Protein backbone atom coordinates (compact mmCIF):
# COMPACT_ATOMS: atom_id res chain seq x y z
CA MET A 1 -7.14 -25.02 -10.36
CA SER A 2 -5.81 -28.19 -8.84
CA LYS A 3 -4.38 -26.69 -5.61
CA ILE A 4 -4.54 -23.64 -3.57
CA ILE A 5 -1.20 -22.30 -2.38
CA TYR A 6 -1.92 -20.36 0.68
CA VAL A 7 1.03 -17.96 1.62
CA ASP A 8 -0.84 -15.46 3.70
CA ASN A 9 -0.28 -17.09 7.01
CA ALA A 10 0.44 -13.71 8.78
CA ALA A 11 -3.33 -12.91 8.20
CA THR A 12 -4.62 -16.20 9.43
CA THR A 13 -3.72 -19.78 9.41
CA PRO A 14 -5.75 -23.10 8.81
CA VAL A 15 -6.87 -24.77 12.04
CA SER A 16 -4.83 -27.98 12.28
CA LYS A 17 -6.74 -31.27 12.38
CA THR A 18 -5.30 -32.17 15.84
CA VAL A 19 -6.74 -28.78 17.15
CA PHE A 20 -10.06 -29.34 15.42
CA GLU A 21 -10.35 -32.85 16.93
CA ALA A 22 -9.54 -31.58 20.42
CA MET A 23 -12.16 -28.89 20.11
CA ALA A 24 -15.03 -30.97 18.54
CA PRO A 25 -16.42 -32.63 21.74
CA TYR A 26 -17.03 -29.23 23.35
CA PHE A 27 -19.68 -28.26 20.83
CA CYS A 28 -22.24 -30.92 21.07
CA GLU A 29 -21.23 -33.40 23.76
CA LEU A 30 -19.20 -31.82 26.50
CA TYR A 31 -21.13 -28.49 26.26
CA GLY A 32 -21.24 -27.60 29.90
CA ASN A 33 -20.65 -24.12 31.27
CA PRO A 34 -17.51 -23.88 33.36
CA SER A 35 -19.26 -21.64 35.88
CA ASN A 36 -21.44 -24.65 36.72
CA ALA A 37 -18.38 -26.83 37.69
CA ASN A 38 -19.70 -27.30 41.13
CA ILE A 39 -23.25 -28.38 40.14
CA TYR A 40 -22.76 -31.14 37.61
CA ASP A 41 -20.25 -33.13 35.61
CA ILE A 42 -20.25 -31.56 32.20
CA GLY A 43 -19.83 -28.18 33.78
CA ASP A 44 -16.83 -29.58 35.77
CA THR A 45 -15.47 -31.13 32.55
CA ALA A 46 -15.69 -27.82 30.79
CA LYS A 47 -13.71 -26.12 33.57
CA LYS A 48 -11.12 -28.73 33.67
CA ALA A 49 -10.65 -28.21 29.83
CA VAL A 50 -10.25 -24.45 30.33
CA ASP A 51 -7.78 -24.94 33.13
CA LYS A 52 -5.81 -27.31 30.92
CA ALA A 53 -5.66 -24.69 28.13
CA ARG A 54 -4.59 -21.96 30.73
CA ALA A 55 -1.74 -24.24 31.70
CA GLN A 56 -0.78 -25.00 28.05
CA VAL A 57 -0.54 -21.16 27.37
CA ALA A 58 1.39 -20.56 30.69
CA LYS A 59 3.91 -23.29 29.72
CA ALA A 60 4.41 -21.77 26.23
CA ILE A 61 5.36 -18.25 27.49
CA ASN A 62 6.91 -19.28 30.92
CA CYS A 63 4.36 -17.75 33.36
CA SER A 64 1.91 -19.10 35.96
CA PRO A 65 -1.50 -20.27 34.80
CA ASP A 66 -3.29 -17.69 37.03
CA GLU A 67 -1.58 -15.03 34.99
CA VAL A 68 -3.39 -16.02 31.83
CA TYR A 69 -6.73 -14.61 30.94
CA PHE A 70 -8.82 -15.72 27.85
CA THR A 71 -10.24 -13.12 25.46
CA SER A 72 -12.08 -13.10 22.08
CA CYS A 73 -9.11 -12.10 20.01
CA GLY A 74 -5.80 -10.26 19.92
CA SER A 75 -7.54 -6.89 19.47
CA GLU A 76 -9.43 -7.34 22.61
CA SER A 77 -6.34 -8.23 24.55
CA ASP A 78 -4.65 -5.15 23.20
CA ASN A 79 -7.54 -2.98 24.12
CA TRP A 80 -7.68 -4.50 27.59
CA ALA A 81 -3.96 -3.97 28.25
CA ILE A 82 -3.85 -0.41 27.05
CA LYS A 83 -7.34 0.91 28.08
CA GLY A 84 -7.23 -1.07 31.36
CA THR A 85 -3.82 0.49 32.27
CA ALA A 86 -4.91 4.04 31.22
CA ARG A 87 -8.04 3.71 33.51
CA ALA A 88 -6.14 2.23 36.30
CA LEU A 89 -3.42 4.82 36.49
CA PHE A 90 -5.19 7.98 35.30
CA SER A 91 -6.10 8.91 38.85
CA LYS A 92 -2.44 8.73 39.78
CA GLY A 93 -1.61 11.41 37.28
CA LYS A 94 -0.16 8.78 34.70
CA LYS A 95 -1.52 10.26 31.51
CA HIS A 96 1.26 9.38 29.04
CA ILE A 97 1.62 6.35 26.72
CA ILE A 98 4.47 5.33 24.55
CA THR A 99 4.24 3.17 21.37
CA THR A 100 5.75 2.94 17.93
CA ALA A 101 4.88 4.03 14.36
CA ILE A 102 4.53 0.43 13.19
CA GLU A 103 2.00 -1.06 15.56
CA HIS A 104 -0.89 -3.04 14.51
CA HIS A 105 -4.13 -0.88 14.18
CA ALA A 106 -5.49 -2.63 17.36
CA VAL A 107 -2.85 -0.68 19.14
CA ILE A 108 -2.70 2.40 17.01
CA ASN A 109 -6.38 3.21 17.07
CA THR A 110 -6.61 2.37 20.66
CA VAL A 111 -4.11 4.92 21.86
CA GLU A 112 -5.52 7.40 19.35
CA ALA A 113 -8.94 6.91 21.08
CA LEU A 114 -7.32 7.55 24.45
CA LYS A 115 -6.21 10.93 23.19
CA LYS A 116 -9.76 12.07 23.29
CA ASP A 117 -9.81 11.22 26.99
CA GLY A 118 -6.88 13.53 27.72
CA PHE A 119 -3.87 11.24 27.30
CA ASP A 120 -0.74 12.21 25.72
CA ILE A 121 0.70 9.78 23.20
CA THR A 122 4.23 9.55 22.06
CA ILE A 123 4.72 7.52 18.82
CA LEU A 124 8.36 6.67 18.42
CA PRO A 125 9.78 6.41 14.98
CA VAL A 126 11.59 3.32 13.68
CA ASP A 127 14.70 2.92 11.54
CA SER A 128 14.74 1.78 7.90
CA GLU A 129 14.23 -1.85 8.85
CA GLY A 130 11.45 -1.22 11.46
CA PHE A 131 13.50 -1.33 14.71
CA VAL A 132 12.93 0.85 17.75
CA THR A 133 15.60 0.84 20.47
CA ALA A 134 15.51 0.63 24.18
CA GLN A 135 17.39 4.01 24.34
CA GLN A 136 14.54 5.57 22.41
CA VAL A 137 12.01 4.21 24.85
CA LYS A 138 14.23 5.33 27.89
CA ASP A 139 14.52 8.92 26.47
CA ALA A 140 10.63 9.09 25.98
CA ILE A 141 9.68 7.91 29.46
CA ARG A 142 8.46 10.80 31.69
CA PRO A 143 7.17 10.85 35.37
CA ASP A 144 3.71 10.65 34.12
CA THR A 145 4.18 7.68 31.71
CA ALA A 146 1.62 4.96 32.43
CA LEU A 147 2.49 2.34 29.76
CA VAL A 148 4.89 1.40 27.05
CA THR A 149 3.40 -0.69 24.26
CA VAL A 150 5.74 -2.20 21.60
CA MET A 151 4.86 -5.06 19.41
CA MET A 152 7.10 -8.16 19.58
CA ALA A 153 7.23 -8.78 15.85
CA ASN A 154 5.72 -6.77 13.01
CA ASN A 155 3.06 -8.44 10.96
CA GLU A 156 3.88 -6.77 7.86
CA ILE A 157 7.82 -6.71 7.58
CA GLY A 158 8.70 -9.33 10.19
CA THR A 159 10.94 -7.16 12.44
CA ILE A 160 11.50 -8.81 15.77
CA GLU A 161 11.94 -5.98 18.28
CA PRO A 162 14.45 -5.96 21.28
CA ILE A 163 11.70 -6.61 23.72
CA ALA A 164 13.94 -7.77 26.54
CA GLU A 165 15.91 -4.68 26.50
CA ILE A 166 12.81 -2.40 26.24
CA GLY A 167 11.21 -4.39 29.05
CA ALA A 168 14.28 -3.82 31.19
CA VAL A 169 14.16 -0.15 30.68
CA CYS A 170 10.53 0.05 31.63
CA ARG A 171 11.12 -2.12 34.85
CA GLU A 172 13.84 0.13 35.90
CA ALA A 173 11.66 3.15 35.45
CA GLY A 174 8.64 1.55 37.14
CA VAL A 175 6.52 1.79 33.94
CA TRP A 176 4.20 -1.03 32.91
CA PHE A 177 5.23 -2.77 29.54
CA HIS A 178 2.79 -4.41 27.22
CA THR A 179 3.70 -6.30 24.01
CA ASP A 180 1.42 -7.24 21.15
CA ALA A 181 2.79 -10.73 20.40
CA VAL A 182 -0.05 -11.70 18.17
CA GLN A 183 2.42 -12.22 15.20
CA ALA A 184 5.14 -13.77 17.40
CA ALA A 185 3.39 -16.30 19.56
CA GLY A 186 3.77 -19.72 17.99
CA ALA A 187 6.37 -18.23 15.50
CA ILE A 188 9.38 -17.46 17.77
CA PRO A 189 10.34 -18.44 21.42
CA ILE A 190 8.57 -16.26 24.08
CA ASP A 191 9.66 -16.06 27.66
CA VAL A 192 7.72 -13.20 29.50
CA LYS A 193 10.18 -13.46 32.46
CA ALA A 194 13.39 -13.37 30.58
CA GLN A 195 11.77 -10.54 28.33
CA ASN A 196 10.75 -8.37 31.20
CA VAL A 197 7.14 -8.24 29.83
CA ASP A 198 4.18 -7.20 32.16
CA MET A 199 1.36 -7.86 29.61
CA LEU A 200 1.34 -9.90 26.40
CA SER A 201 -1.37 -10.41 23.81
CA MET A 202 -1.90 -13.38 21.51
CA SER A 203 -4.61 -14.73 19.15
CA ALA A 204 -5.16 -18.34 18.34
CA HIS A 205 -5.80 -18.02 14.66
CA LYS A 206 -2.25 -16.96 13.99
CA PHE A 207 -0.85 -20.41 15.04
CA ASN A 208 -3.27 -22.85 13.61
CA GLY A 209 -5.98 -22.37 16.29
CA PRO A 210 -9.63 -21.23 15.81
CA LYS A 211 -10.61 -17.60 15.13
CA GLY A 212 -12.48 -15.76 17.91
CA VAL A 213 -10.26 -16.56 20.83
CA GLY A 214 -7.24 -14.89 22.30
CA ALA A 215 -5.29 -14.57 25.57
CA LEU A 216 -3.76 -11.76 27.67
CA TYR A 217 -1.02 -12.51 29.93
CA ILE A 218 -1.02 -10.13 33.04
CA LYS A 219 1.83 -10.38 35.38
CA LYS A 220 1.04 -10.66 39.15
CA GLY A 221 1.08 -7.17 40.64
CA ILE A 222 -0.07 -5.51 37.32
CA ASN A 223 -3.61 -4.60 37.61
CA PRO A 224 -5.26 -2.97 34.55
CA GLN A 225 -8.98 -2.26 34.93
CA ASN A 226 -11.46 -4.57 33.42
CA LEU A 227 -12.46 -3.86 29.85
CA ILE A 228 -15.57 -6.12 30.06
CA ASP A 229 -17.66 -6.10 33.26
CA GLY A 230 -20.48 -8.48 34.08
CA GLY A 231 -20.13 -11.99 35.63
CA ALA A 232 -17.32 -13.60 37.67
CA GLN A 233 -15.61 -15.39 34.84
CA GLU A 234 -11.75 -15.25 34.46
CA ARG A 235 -11.34 -14.56 38.13
CA ARG A 236 -13.81 -11.62 37.89
CA HIS A 237 -11.50 -9.78 35.40
CA ARG A 238 -13.16 -10.60 32.10
CA ALA A 239 -16.94 -11.37 32.08
CA GLY A 240 -18.76 -13.41 29.56
CA THR A 241 -19.33 -17.27 29.33
CA GLU A 242 -16.19 -18.91 28.25
CA ASN A 243 -15.78 -19.98 24.66
CA VAL A 244 -14.73 -23.40 25.90
CA ALA A 245 -14.22 -25.05 22.43
CA GLY A 246 -12.22 -21.97 21.28
CA ILE A 247 -10.11 -21.92 24.53
CA VAL A 248 -9.44 -25.64 24.15
CA GLY A 249 -8.30 -25.00 20.57
CA LEU A 250 -6.07 -22.17 21.65
CA GLY A 251 -4.36 -24.28 24.27
CA GLU A 252 -3.94 -27.14 21.91
CA ALA A 253 -2.54 -25.02 19.10
CA ILE A 254 -0.03 -23.17 21.24
CA GLU A 255 1.34 -26.40 22.58
CA LEU A 256 1.62 -27.87 19.19
CA ALA A 257 3.36 -24.74 17.77
CA THR A 258 5.90 -24.41 20.63
CA SER A 259 6.70 -28.09 21.04
CA GLY A 260 7.96 -28.25 17.54
CA LEU A 261 9.04 -24.62 17.23
CA ASP A 262 12.69 -25.15 16.31
CA GLU A 263 11.90 -27.34 13.34
CA LYS A 264 8.91 -25.11 12.33
CA MET A 265 11.11 -21.99 12.34
CA LYS A 266 13.83 -23.83 10.30
CA GLN A 267 11.40 -25.07 7.69
CA GLU A 268 9.73 -21.69 7.26
CA ALA A 269 13.00 -19.82 7.17
CA ALA A 270 14.15 -22.09 4.29
CA LEU A 271 11.03 -21.19 2.33
CA ARG A 272 11.40 -17.39 3.14
CA ASN A 273 14.94 -17.33 2.04
CA TYR A 274 14.23 -19.09 -1.21
CA VAL A 275 11.57 -16.61 -2.05
CA ILE A 276 13.60 -13.61 -1.02
CA GLU A 277 16.57 -14.73 -3.04
CA HIS A 278 14.56 -15.40 -6.24
CA ALA A 279 12.29 -12.44 -5.98
CA LEU A 280 15.24 -10.04 -5.62
CA ALA A 281 16.70 -11.45 -8.83
CA ILE A 282 13.84 -9.67 -10.68
CA GLU A 283 14.90 -6.18 -11.72
CA LYS A 284 13.98 -3.18 -9.68
CA THR A 285 12.87 -5.05 -6.53
CA GLN A 286 13.91 -4.50 -2.91
CA LEU A 287 13.38 -6.29 0.42
CA ASN A 288 11.33 -4.42 2.87
CA GLY A 289 12.32 -4.88 6.60
CA PRO A 290 15.36 -6.50 8.18
CA LYS A 291 18.23 -7.66 6.01
CA ASP A 292 19.57 -9.79 8.92
CA MET A 293 17.32 -12.82 8.72
CA SER A 294 18.00 -13.68 12.38
CA ARG A 295 16.02 -10.47 13.36
CA ARG A 296 13.15 -11.23 11.03
CA LEU A 297 10.19 -13.61 11.51
CA PRO A 298 11.13 -16.99 9.96
CA ASN A 299 8.12 -17.02 7.78
CA ASN A 300 8.10 -13.41 6.44
CA ALA A 301 9.06 -12.01 3.14
CA ASN A 302 8.03 -8.46 2.07
CA ILE A 303 9.15 -7.55 -1.39
CA GLY A 304 8.71 -4.22 -3.30
CA PHE A 305 8.43 -4.43 -7.03
CA LEU A 306 8.81 -0.99 -8.43
CA GLY A 307 6.22 -0.28 -11.22
CA ALA A 308 4.14 -3.33 -10.53
CA GLU A 309 1.07 -2.44 -8.32
CA SER A 310 0.54 -5.06 -5.72
CA GLU A 311 -3.22 -5.40 -6.32
CA SER A 312 -2.50 -6.33 -9.94
CA ILE A 313 0.04 -8.88 -9.01
CA LEU A 314 -2.27 -10.37 -6.38
CA LEU A 315 -5.04 -10.78 -9.00
CA PHE A 316 -2.62 -12.65 -11.29
CA LEU A 317 -1.49 -14.82 -8.38
CA ASP A 318 -5.17 -15.47 -7.31
CA MET A 319 -5.85 -16.79 -10.93
CA ARG A 320 -3.07 -19.28 -10.35
CA GLY A 321 -4.41 -20.31 -6.95
CA ILE A 322 -1.86 -18.52 -4.96
CA CYS A 323 -3.12 -16.44 -1.89
CA ALA A 324 -0.81 -13.71 -0.79
CA SER A 325 -1.33 -10.12 0.39
CA SER A 326 -0.12 -6.57 0.25
CA GLY A 327 -0.13 -6.03 4.08
CA SER A 328 -2.18 -6.30 7.12
CA ALA A 329 -5.47 -7.99 6.61
CA CYS A 330 -7.01 -5.56 8.98
CA ALA A 331 -6.33 -2.74 6.58
CA SER A 332 -7.24 -4.64 3.35
CA SER A 333 -10.04 -2.26 2.50
CA ASP A 334 -7.86 0.77 2.93
CA LEU A 335 -6.42 2.11 -0.36
CA ASP A 336 -3.72 4.13 1.26
CA PRO A 337 -0.16 2.60 1.33
CA SER A 338 0.85 0.55 4.33
CA HIS A 339 1.66 2.74 7.37
CA VAL A 340 4.39 0.30 8.25
CA LEU A 341 6.14 0.70 4.87
CA LEU A 342 5.81 4.40 5.02
CA ALA A 343 7.15 4.51 8.48
CA ILE A 344 10.35 2.78 7.43
CA GLY A 345 10.84 5.26 4.57
CA VAL A 346 9.68 3.15 1.64
CA PRO A 347 8.46 5.55 -1.06
CA HIS A 348 4.82 5.61 -1.93
CA ALA A 349 5.62 4.30 -5.41
CA VAL A 350 7.24 1.11 -3.95
CA ALA A 351 4.73 0.83 -0.96
CA ASN A 352 1.97 0.47 -3.37
CA CYS A 353 3.97 -2.23 -5.19
CA SER A 354 4.91 -4.39 -2.29
CA LEU A 355 3.80 -7.94 -1.43
CA ARG A 356 3.83 -9.77 1.87
CA ILE A 357 4.51 -13.49 1.57
CA SER A 358 4.19 -15.47 4.71
CA PHE A 359 4.63 -19.27 5.05
CA GLY A 360 2.91 -21.78 7.47
CA VAL A 361 3.46 -25.26 8.60
CA GLN A 362 1.40 -26.54 5.62
CA ASN A 363 3.68 -24.97 3.04
CA THR A 364 6.43 -26.75 1.10
CA MET A 365 9.48 -25.94 -1.10
CA ASP A 366 7.32 -26.80 -4.04
CA ASP A 367 5.05 -23.99 -2.92
CA ALA A 368 7.89 -21.53 -2.70
CA LYS A 369 9.17 -22.46 -6.09
CA THR A 370 5.59 -22.14 -7.66
CA VAL A 371 5.28 -18.68 -6.11
CA CYS A 372 8.60 -17.59 -7.48
CA GLU A 373 7.83 -18.79 -10.90
CA ALA A 374 4.46 -16.96 -10.92
CA LEU A 375 6.33 -13.71 -9.80
CA GLU A 376 8.87 -14.17 -12.48
CA GLU A 377 6.02 -14.49 -15.07
CA TYR A 378 3.49 -11.83 -13.67
CA VAL A 379 5.77 -8.97 -12.48
CA PRO A 380 6.98 -8.18 -15.97
CA GLU A 381 3.37 -8.40 -17.35
CA VAL A 382 2.00 -6.10 -14.75
CA ARG A 383 4.85 -3.66 -15.50
CA ARG A 384 4.16 -3.82 -19.16
CA ARG A 385 0.71 -2.50 -18.41
CA SER A 386 1.73 0.03 -15.71
CA ALA A 387 2.02 3.64 -16.16
CA ILE A 388 4.12 3.82 -12.89
CA TRP A 389 6.74 1.48 -14.54
CA HIS A 390 6.97 3.45 -17.75
CA VAL A 391 7.49 6.69 -15.81
CA ASN A 392 9.84 5.34 -13.19
CA GLY A 393 11.17 2.11 -14.61
């Protein structure tokens, strides 16, 4: 195997060399604690590095630096936004939360947990391409609605939701609005002001930053309760000694991703379109998610191959050095079909035979061509061995 072709960038991305080099000094040389900034120089240096990263995130999403809070990951950010809102507004009689059927498990499992605490959860259905509408949200809002949480872009099928319109509905109703932008940050333009967002989650490892660090944007005037109590870090809103190297990496990564975003989107869309065109030329295949490519993440292709189980295809691809997936990495040990594909009406027989191919900055057109050549070879072979294909094909 001469080369690994990694096309599972929706699961995670490689840390860029520029990001790694920016992080490196904060492990062994500039290892100070930002909370000691007023005591000695290496503490002050660490604090300045964290402040710089906060400013980099703020610039990337068009907010103020003091509206950015660093966390350990996107899941923590989602939990803080949702549980923090629930705890903050429960005493005011706000016991209703609205979300959608295709959210990441960090959102779905969090709102499900709140059911046990007496919250009423409305899960909005989506259409056959994964879209929810602002009108659906408006119709679902009640006097006791505390929060609406709708992901900005879906991690499996690439659907980009009408966040600005949904946010406008929430603002008019006086309801806090959170969006899980873990898959969107660094992939498409984000402007929290123009998009009427009150809280937004992101995770560095989705845009060529390190794992183990994320951020939560909280608009001034929005005050979810703390999720983690303890010291005075993050302006007394998120306790725990800051992961300085990780935070530096997040800031550098989001700056790199957004500064060259137009070119990155164009490059990834070309690879995505090539794979979709050639994969759909294989018989009995279908595109899962938006057909309008402008409403789909530039790097995302999700293809269903009837009669060719995705796990079998993935094993063949792996033998050829190609890394792809059948859906969310957070559900990779679950044998059930993707809840996202089922929510958009994909039959079980196709959901179990669907692949997600997601490109990154390191991928080339040669990679896309190799993936297509492999699919053209392996899909018929998997079908030849498949009982599903001989029954349904």
